[in-house]
Amino acid sequence: MSPLYAKTEKVVFVSDSCHSATVARGPAAPIRAIKDDKRPHLLGQQTYIQPLTVRGIRIGAAQDHESAIEWPQKEGQYYGLFTWHWVQNLQQAQANDTWHNLFERTDAQIREQRPQIEGNRRQLLAGVTKGSI
């Protein structure tokens, strides 16, 4: 994300993916996940330093150790459980809502996984006017 942040810090990244962090969708299945990879990785030997400030807003559908659930809908379609509720709440957003408000409403509707948010969550939703979404 560094190249993007070099241009602007006004970034909201929403991912409905599991702990694998691939940000990819597979074939329709109840859970999207990959098996643990036990191979050593060169980057794994480096010490990670948490940035002092979090830039932008990052929202994930599940915790690092959880799977992102697929939710069956009509005609055999599957949607990410988080995405389904996120979009419903985004469509009902009001002009004074923050990203935190939207996240909390979505989180309250999901029991199967625990979404996460980091960054300036008190920031107002950009450009929300009635009927604009």
Protein backbone atom coordinates (compact mmCIF):
# COMPACT_ATOMS: atom_id res chain seq x y z
CA MET A 1 0.00 0.00 0.00
CA SER A 2 3.03 2.26 0.33
CA PRO A 3 2.94 3.47 -3.31
CA LEU A 4 -0.71 4.43 -2.86
CA TYR A 5 -0.05 6.22 0.44
CA ALA A 6 2.74 8.16 -1.29
CA LYS A 7 -0.01 9.80 -3.38
CA THR A 8 -2.72 10.16 -0.71
CA GLU A 9 -3.59 9.04 2.81
CA LYS A 10 -7.31 9.10 1.97
CA VAL A 11 -7.51 5.36 1.42
CA VAL A 12 -10.17 2.99 2.73
CA PHE A 13 -9.24 -0.64 2.08
CA VAL A 14 -11.97 -3.23 2.74
CA SER A 15 -11.18 -6.92 2.36
CA ASP A 16 -13.54 -9.87 2.78
CA SER A 17 -10.83 -12.50 3.00
CA CYS A 18 -9.58 -14.84 5.68
CA HIS A 19 -6.35 -15.03 7.63
CA SER A 20 -4.51 -16.06 4.49
CA ALA A 21 -4.64 -12.40 3.39
CA THR A 22 -4.70 -13.37 -0.26
CA VAL A 23 -7.62 -11.02 -0.93
CA ALA A 24 -8.84 -13.57 -3.46
CA ARG A 25 -12.03 -15.52 -3.95
CA GLY A 26 -12.04 -19.19 -4.70
CA PRO A 27 -14.82 -21.40 -5.99
CA ALA A 28 -18.09 -21.18 -4.07
CA ALA A 29 -17.58 -22.94 -0.76
CA PRO A 30 -18.79 -22.50 2.82
CA ILE A 31 -15.38 -21.20 3.98
CA ARG A 32 -12.49 -19.63 2.12
CA ALA A 33 -9.14 -20.64 3.57
CA ILE A 34 -5.82 -22.24 2.78
CA LYS A 35 -3.91 -24.88 4.70
CA ASP A 36 -1.07 -23.73 6.95
CA ASP A 37 2.21 -23.40 5.08
CA LYS A 38 4.95 -24.70 7.38
CA ARG A 39 7.84 -23.80 5.07
CA PRO A 40 10.29 -21.20 6.39
CA HIS A 41 10.22 -17.86 4.60
CA LEU A 42 13.12 -15.42 4.40
CA LEU A 43 10.94 -12.48 5.40
CA GLY A 44 9.78 -14.46 8.44
CA GLN A 45 13.30 -14.18 9.83
CA GLN A 46 13.12 -10.38 9.83
CA THR A 47 11.83 -8.41 12.79
CA TYR A 48 8.56 -6.63 12.04
CA ILE A 49 8.30 -3.09 13.36
CA GLN A 50 4.76 -1.80 13.81
CA PRO A 51 4.40 1.65 12.20
CA LEU A 52 3.89 4.47 14.69
CA THR A 53 0.90 5.77 12.76
CA VAL A 54 -1.64 3.85 10.74
CA ARG A 55 -2.36 5.52 7.44
CA GLY A 56 -5.77 5.31 5.83
CA ILE A 57 -8.44 2.93 7.10
CA ARG A 58 -8.18 -0.84 6.80
CA ILE A 59 -11.19 -3.08 7.38
CA GLY A 60 -11.01 -6.86 7.32
CA ALA A 61 -13.82 -9.41 7.41
CA ALA A 62 -12.14 -11.69 9.96
CA GLN A 63 -9.40 -11.81 12.57
CA ASP A 64 -5.94 -13.04 11.56
CA HIS A 65 -6.69 -16.55 12.85
CA GLU A 66 -10.23 -16.83 11.41
CA SER A 67 -11.80 -17.86 8.12
CA ALA A 68 -14.08 -15.61 6.08
CA ILE A 69 -17.47 -17.27 5.69
CA GLU A 70 -19.24 -17.58 2.34
CA TRP A 71 -23.00 -17.05 2.57
CA PRO A 72 -25.33 -18.92 0.17
CA GLN A 73 -28.01 -16.86 -1.56
CA LYS A 74 -30.60 -17.60 -4.23
CA GLU A 75 -29.73 -19.50 -7.41
CA GLY A 76 -26.60 -21.08 -5.91
CA GLN A 77 -24.74 -17.77 -5.58
CA TYR A 78 -22.35 -17.32 -2.66
CA TYR A 79 -21.35 -13.98 -1.18
CA GLY A 80 -18.92 -13.13 1.57
CA LEU A 81 -20.91 -12.89 4.82
CA PHE A 82 -19.12 -9.68 5.76
CA THR A 83 -19.59 -8.14 2.29
CA TRP A 84 -23.31 -8.91 2.29
CA HIS A 85 -23.91 -7.03 5.55
CA TRP A 86 -21.34 -4.29 4.78
CA VAL A 87 -23.09 -3.37 1.52
CA GLN A 88 -26.53 -3.38 3.18
CA ASN A 89 -25.26 -0.98 5.86
CA LEU A 90 -23.36 1.16 3.36
CA GLN A 91 -26.58 1.63 1.37
CA GLN A 92 -28.32 2.87 4.53
CA ALA A 93 -25.50 5.21 5.61
CA GLN A 94 -26.36 8.74 6.70
CA ALA A 95 -24.40 11.94 6.04
CA ASN A 96 -23.03 12.13 9.61
CA ASP A 97 -21.93 8.46 9.80
CA THR A 98 -18.29 7.59 10.39
CA TRP A 99 -16.46 4.48 9.21
CA HIS A 100 -16.68 3.32 12.83
CA ASN A 101 -20.51 3.62 12.80
CA LEU A 102 -20.72 1.56 9.63
CA PHE A 103 -18.27 -1.01 10.98
CA GLU A 104 -20.11 -1.37 14.31
CA ARG A 105 -23.48 -1.92 12.59
CA THR A 106 -21.95 -4.58 10.35
CA ASP A 107 -20.05 -6.26 13.19
CA ALA A 108 -23.25 -6.50 15.27
CA GLN A 109 -24.91 -8.54 12.50
CA ILE A 110 -22.16 -11.16 12.23
CA ARG A 111 -21.65 -13.91 14.79
CA GLU A 112 -19.60 -16.40 12.75
CA GLN A 113 -16.45 -14.26 12.47
CA ARG A 114 -15.05 -11.09 14.03
CA PRO A 115 -14.26 -8.27 11.60
CA GLN A 116 -11.44 -5.84 12.38
CA ILE A 117 -10.78 -2.16 11.71
CA GLU A 118 -7.74 0.05 12.12
CA GLY A 119 -6.90 3.62 11.26
CA ASN A 120 -8.88 6.84 11.62
CA ARG A 121 -12.24 5.15 12.16
CA ARG A 122 -13.85 8.42 13.33
CA GLN A 123 -13.50 9.88 9.83
CA LEU A 124 -16.80 10.72 8.16
CA LEU A 125 -17.84 8.61 5.19
CA ALA A 126 -16.70 10.54 2.13
CA GLY A 127 -19.37 12.10 -0.05
CA VAL A 128 -22.38 10.39 1.52
CA THR A 129 -25.62 12.15 0.69
CA LYS A 130 -29.07 10.64 0.77
CA GLY A 131 -29.50 8.36 -2.23
CA SER A 132 -25.87 8.69 -3.39
CA ILE A 133 -24.95 5.07 -2.65
